[in-house]
Amino acid sequence: MSPEEDIIYVHSVAEAYLYLKASLCRSCRKGSLNPKADLTKTAAAPGGWMLSTVCSECGAAATIHFCINPPPTREQAHSQEINPTPHRSSAIDLLGWLTLFQAIIEASQRETDKQAARELAYEAALCLDEAMKFYDGDNELPAEDAFFNETSRRRFRDNPQQFARSKWRERRLKLPDATTRTIPAGPRRPRRRWWQFWRGSAKP
């Protein structure tokens, strides 16, 4: 595999971390990937960004290289924004986004802090927004190119009803969006890395 093929193309820092939760370890193909350090911008890395990871199952260490486009500002690098463009992800497929949505919404339902639960529900909605980009026109079902590997494609072929657009659109209507999202008055909390709330809970 060439260095170019090893670069993962994402639209934000948030999408880079989400890619970890939607991926399996290349060594054992069982464990999820956990970050060992923060995503780092460096000219020495193919793509410009690197993230050191460790497998939750076998402990294998790996460094993943990312190209982030559009290049994030300092504020965007710490925001929840996943994809400021209308283009669908090339790093996470439709099944991956739906899996992430389910994991984060379940974390929201378990969360006892109301503000944190609302934040997680909003983040789950953002993942569902990314999933909706894989549906063309008014089609109820996605095309097979919405799935990036044979495992995902087989899931779609075996259970196409699970990917019905109307089902997920109905779920989305029940979740907050940027125009209705509010932060309660009171002391501001330190900015958190939101993916830490549900680390280890999402499995593809």
Protein backbone atom coordinates (compact mmCIF):
# COMPACT_ATOMS: atom_id res chain seq x y z
CA MET A 1 0.00 0.00 0.00
CA SER A 2 1.41 3.40 -0.97
CA PRO A 3 1.74 6.31 1.50
CA GLU A 4 -1.02 8.11 -0.42
CA GLU A 5 -3.41 5.19 0.12
CA ASP A 6 -2.61 5.25 3.85
CA ILE A 7 -3.96 8.80 4.22
CA ILE A 8 -7.51 9.08 5.57
CA TYR A 9 -9.36 12.07 4.12
CA VAL A 10 -11.75 13.78 6.53
CA HIS A 11 -13.56 17.10 6.82
CA SER A 12 -12.76 17.98 10.45
CA VAL A 13 -10.86 17.02 13.58
CA ALA A 14 -14.11 15.57 14.93
CA GLU A 15 -14.48 13.28 11.90
CA ALA A 16 -10.93 12.02 12.42
CA TYR A 17 -11.77 10.86 15.96
CA LEU A 18 -15.09 9.42 14.79
CA TYR A 19 -13.18 7.42 12.19
CA LEU A 20 -11.43 5.62 15.04
CA LYS A 21 -14.74 4.57 16.59
CA ALA A 22 -16.05 3.33 13.25
CA SER A 23 -12.94 1.27 12.51
CA LEU A 24 -11.40 -2.01 13.61
CA CYS A 25 -7.77 -2.76 14.36
CA ARG A 26 -5.94 -3.83 11.20
CA SER A 27 -3.92 -6.40 13.16
CA CYS A 28 -6.63 -8.46 14.89
CA ARG A 29 -9.77 -7.17 13.08
CA LYS A 30 -11.62 -7.35 16.41
CA GLY A 31 -10.71 -4.46 18.66
CA SER A 32 -11.68 -0.81 18.41
CA LEU A 33 -9.03 1.91 18.16
CA ASN A 34 -8.39 4.26 21.06
CA PRO A 35 -6.26 7.43 20.78
CA LYS A 36 -2.99 7.41 22.73
CA ALA A 37 -2.57 11.17 22.30
CA ASP A 38 -4.25 14.14 20.68
CA LEU A 39 -4.49 14.49 16.92
CA THR A 40 -1.36 16.41 15.94
CA LYS A 41 -0.67 18.71 13.02
CA THR A 42 2.82 18.13 11.63
CA ALA A 43 4.49 18.66 8.27
CA ALA A 44 6.31 15.37 8.80
CA ALA A 45 3.10 13.33 8.52
CA PRO A 46 1.59 12.30 5.17
CA GLY A 47 -1.57 14.38 4.87
CA GLY A 48 -0.41 16.83 7.52
CA TRP A 49 -2.04 15.27 10.60
CA MET A 50 -1.25 12.17 12.68
CA LEU A 51 -2.95 10.29 15.49
CA SER A 52 -1.34 7.52 17.56
CA THR A 53 -3.73 4.71 18.48
CA VAL A 54 -3.84 1.44 20.41
CA CYS A 55 -6.18 -1.50 19.87
CA SER A 56 -8.59 -2.19 22.75
CA GLU A 57 -8.39 -5.93 22.05
CA CYS A 58 -4.84 -6.92 21.12
CA GLY A 59 -2.94 -3.80 22.20
CA ALA A 60 -1.36 -3.23 18.80
CA ALA A 61 -0.12 0.33 18.31
CA ALA A 62 -0.65 2.17 15.03
CA THR A 63 -0.30 5.70 13.69
CA ILE A 64 -3.03 6.96 11.40
CA HIS A 65 -2.39 9.82 8.99
CA PHE A 66 -5.15 12.24 8.09
CA CYS A 67 -5.71 15.00 5.57
CA ILE A 68 -8.31 17.49 6.83
CA ASN A 69 -10.10 19.52 4.18
CA PRO A 70 -11.15 22.25 4.63
CA PRO A 71 -8.19 22.99 6.93
CA PRO A 72 -9.61 23.62 10.41
CA THR A 73 -9.21 26.90 12.26
CA ARG A 74 -8.21 26.74 15.93
CA GLU A 75 -11.85 27.13 16.95
CA GLN A 76 -13.10 24.48 14.51
CA ALA A 77 -10.46 22.04 15.72
CA HIS A 78 -12.18 22.05 19.13
CA SER A 79 -15.77 22.18 17.91
CA GLN A 80 -18.42 19.52 17.39
CA GLU A 81 -18.74 20.30 13.69
CA ILE A 82 -18.21 17.13 11.66
CA ASN A 83 -18.49 18.26 8.07
CA PRO A 84 -19.06 21.87 6.97
CA THR A 85 -19.44 20.77 3.33
CA PRO A 86 -22.39 19.15 1.49
CA HIS A 87 -20.15 16.25 0.43
CA ARG A 88 -20.45 12.83 2.02
CA SER A 89 -17.62 11.28 3.97
CA SER A 90 -14.98 9.19 2.21
CA ALA A 91 -13.67 7.85 5.54
CA ILE A 92 -16.84 6.52 7.19
CA ASP A 93 -19.57 4.78 5.22
CA LEU A 94 -23.33 4.79 5.78
CA LEU A 95 -23.28 1.83 8.17
CA GLY A 96 -20.50 3.51 10.14
CA TRP A 97 -22.49 6.73 10.62
CA LEU A 98 -25.62 4.83 11.66
CA THR A 99 -23.57 2.79 14.13
CA LEU A 100 -22.06 5.95 15.58
CA PHE A 101 -25.51 7.52 15.84
CA GLN A 102 -26.85 4.55 17.77
CA ALA A 103 -23.88 4.49 20.16
CA ILE A 104 -24.03 8.21 20.94
CA ILE A 105 -27.80 8.36 21.35
CA GLU A 106 -27.61 5.41 23.77
CA ALA A 107 -24.89 7.28 25.70
CA SER A 108 -27.23 10.29 25.81
CA GLN A 109 -30.03 8.18 27.26
CA ARG A 110 -27.73 6.82 29.96
CA GLU A 111 -26.32 10.23 30.88
CA THR A 112 -27.68 11.59 34.19
CA ASP A 113 -26.48 15.16 33.64
CA LYS A 114 -29.15 16.92 31.58
CA GLN A 115 -26.81 19.33 29.82
CA ALA A 116 -24.41 16.53 28.88
CA ALA A 117 -27.35 14.42 27.64
CA ARG A 118 -28.52 17.28 25.40
CA GLU A 119 -25.02 17.75 24.02
CA LEU A 120 -24.75 14.06 23.20
CA ALA A 121 -28.18 14.07 21.53
CA TYR A 122 -27.03 16.95 19.34
CA GLU A 123 -23.84 15.08 18.46
CA ALA A 124 -25.85 11.99 17.56
CA ALA A 125 -27.96 14.19 15.28
CA LEU A 126 -24.81 15.40 13.51
CA CYS A 127 -23.86 11.77 12.76
CA LEU A 128 -27.32 11.15 11.35
CA ASP A 129 -26.95 14.25 9.16
CA GLU A 130 -23.79 12.71 7.72
CA ALA A 131 -25.62 9.43 7.10
CA MET A 132 -28.35 11.25 5.15
CA LYS A 133 -25.75 12.49 2.64
CA PHE A 134 -25.45 8.94 1.31
CA TYR A 135 -28.99 8.92 -0.11
CA ASP A 136 -29.37 10.18 -3.68
CA GLY A 137 -32.35 12.32 -4.72
CA ASP A 138 -35.59 10.95 -3.29
CA ASN A 139 -34.40 7.34 -3.17
CA GLU A 140 -35.64 5.38 -0.19
CA LEU A 141 -32.63 3.05 -0.21
CA PRO A 142 -28.95 3.91 -0.70
CA ALA A 143 -26.82 2.69 -3.58
CA GLU A 144 -24.21 0.04 -2.84
CA ASP A 145 -21.43 2.62 -3.12
CA ALA A 146 -22.68 3.96 0.23
CA PHE A 147 -20.84 0.99 1.76
CA PHE A 148 -17.07 0.81 1.70
CA ASN A 149 -16.38 -2.86 2.41
CA GLU A 150 -17.92 -6.26 1.81
CA THR A 151 -19.07 -6.64 5.43
CA SER A 152 -21.15 -3.44 5.18
CA ARG A 153 -22.50 -4.37 1.76
CA ARG A 154 -23.53 -7.80 3.01
CA ARG A 155 -25.38 -6.19 5.93
CA PHE A 156 -27.25 -4.02 3.45
CA ARG A 157 -28.13 -6.91 1.15
CA ASP A 158 -29.34 -9.07 4.02
CA ASN A 159 -31.39 -6.35 5.73
CA PRO A 160 -32.17 -3.51 3.30
CA GLN A 161 -35.14 -2.39 5.42
CA GLN A 162 -32.70 -1.32 8.15
CA PHE A 163 -31.41 1.34 5.78
CA ALA A 164 -34.75 2.82 4.72
CA ARG A 165 -34.31 6.57 4.46
CA SER A 166 -37.74 7.36 5.93
CA LYS A 167 -36.90 5.43 9.11
CA TRP A 168 -33.80 7.47 9.81
CA ARG A 169 -35.37 10.76 8.69
CA GLU A 170 -38.11 10.21 11.28
CA ARG A 171 -35.46 9.64 13.96
CA ARG A 172 -33.69 12.83 12.90
CA LEU A 173 -36.83 14.94 13.26
CA LYS A 174 -36.91 14.07 16.96
CA LEU A 175 -33.39 15.34 17.58
CA PRO A 176 -32.06 18.89 18.04
CA ASP A 177 -30.45 20.93 15.29
CA ALA A 178 -28.30 24.02 15.21
CA THR A 179 -31.29 26.39 15.23
CA THR A 180 -32.95 24.87 18.31
CA ARG A 181 -29.88 23.93 20.30
CA THR A 182 -29.45 26.02 23.42
CA ILE A 183 -26.93 26.00 26.26
CA PRO A 184 -28.46 26.58 29.72
CA ALA A 185 -27.55 29.79 31.53
CA GLY A 186 -25.05 29.52 34.36
CA PRO A 187 -21.33 28.99 34.81
CA ARG A 188 -19.65 27.79 31.63
CA ARG A 189 -17.99 24.41 31.84
CA PRO A 190 -14.47 23.83 30.58
CA ARG A 191 -14.54 22.83 26.92
CA ARG A 192 -14.55 19.05 26.68
CA ARG A 193 -13.48 16.66 23.98
CA TRP A 194 -16.93 15.32 23.31
CA TRP A 195 -15.84 11.92 21.96
CA GLN A 196 -14.48 11.06 25.42
CA PHE A 197 -18.04 10.71 26.73
CA TRP A 198 -18.68 7.55 24.75
CA ARG A 199 -15.16 6.23 24.16
CA GLY A 200 -15.28 2.47 23.72
CA SER A 201 -19.05 2.26 23.21
CA ALA A 202 -19.28 2.27 19.41
CA LYS A 203 -18.60 -0.90 17.49
CA PRO A 204 -18.98 -1.24 13.69
